[in-house]
Amino acid sequence: MSRVCCGKPEFSVMVGGDITGYDYKEISLQVETATKLNFVHVIKKKDDG
């Protein structure tokens, strides 16, 4: 299944900071608690840039 939001800046939100030790479920819960925005999914990936 292809998602139209993945990798497109107009449909994405990037969060930076030390998230070492947190898994996807914990990050998703924090995002849902902190904002009223409706997210389709949360992806945790390391950017070497």
Protein backbone atom coordinates (compact mmCIF):
# COMPACT_ATOMS: atom_id res chain seq x y z
CA MET A 1 0.00 0.00 0.00
CA SER A 2 1.47 3.34 -1.05
CA ARG A 3 0.82 6.41 1.10
CA VAL A 4 0.62 9.83 -0.55
CA CYS A 5 2.13 11.55 2.49
CA CYS A 6 5.44 9.72 2.86
CA GLY A 7 8.47 11.80 1.98
CA LYS A 8 6.53 14.83 0.78
CA PRO A 9 7.29 18.02 2.74
CA GLU A 10 3.78 19.42 2.27
CA PHE A 11 2.36 16.38 4.09
CA SER A 12 5.10 15.75 6.66
CA VAL A 13 6.24 17.00 10.05
CA MET A 14 9.80 16.48 11.24
CA VAL A 15 10.68 16.40 14.91
CA GLY A 16 14.27 16.59 16.07
CA GLY A 17 15.89 15.67 19.33
CA ASP A 18 17.25 12.79 21.31
CA ILE A 19 14.70 9.98 21.02
CA THR A 20 17.14 7.19 21.84
CA GLY A 21 15.37 4.40 23.69
CA TYR A 22 11.85 5.32 22.55
CA ASP A 23 9.96 3.05 20.17
CA TYR A 24 7.33 3.98 17.58
CA LYS A 25 4.43 3.35 19.93
CA GLU A 26 5.82 5.64 22.65
CA ILE A 27 6.56 8.41 20.14
CA SER A 28 3.09 8.10 18.60
CA LEU A 29 1.48 8.39 22.03
CA GLN A 30 3.50 11.52 22.85
CA VAL A 31 2.59 13.14 19.51
CA GLU A 32 -1.11 12.33 19.95
CA THR A 33 -1.05 13.72 23.50
CA ALA A 34 0.85 16.92 22.61
CA THR A 35 -1.17 18.03 19.58
CA LYS A 36 -4.68 18.06 18.16
CA LEU A 37 -3.35 17.30 14.68
CA ASN A 38 -4.46 13.99 13.19
CA PHE A 39 -1.43 11.96 12.10
CA VAL A 40 -1.74 8.96 9.79
CA HIS A 41 1.43 7.37 11.14
CA VAL A 42 4.72 8.13 12.86
CA ILE A 43 8.02 6.96 11.41
CA LYS A 44 11.21 6.92 13.47
CA LYS A 45 14.32 6.95 11.34
CA LYS A 46 17.86 8.19 11.72
CA ASP A 47 19.05 10.85 9.29
CA ASP A 48 22.81 10.92 8.90
CA GLY A 49 22.73 14.43 7.40
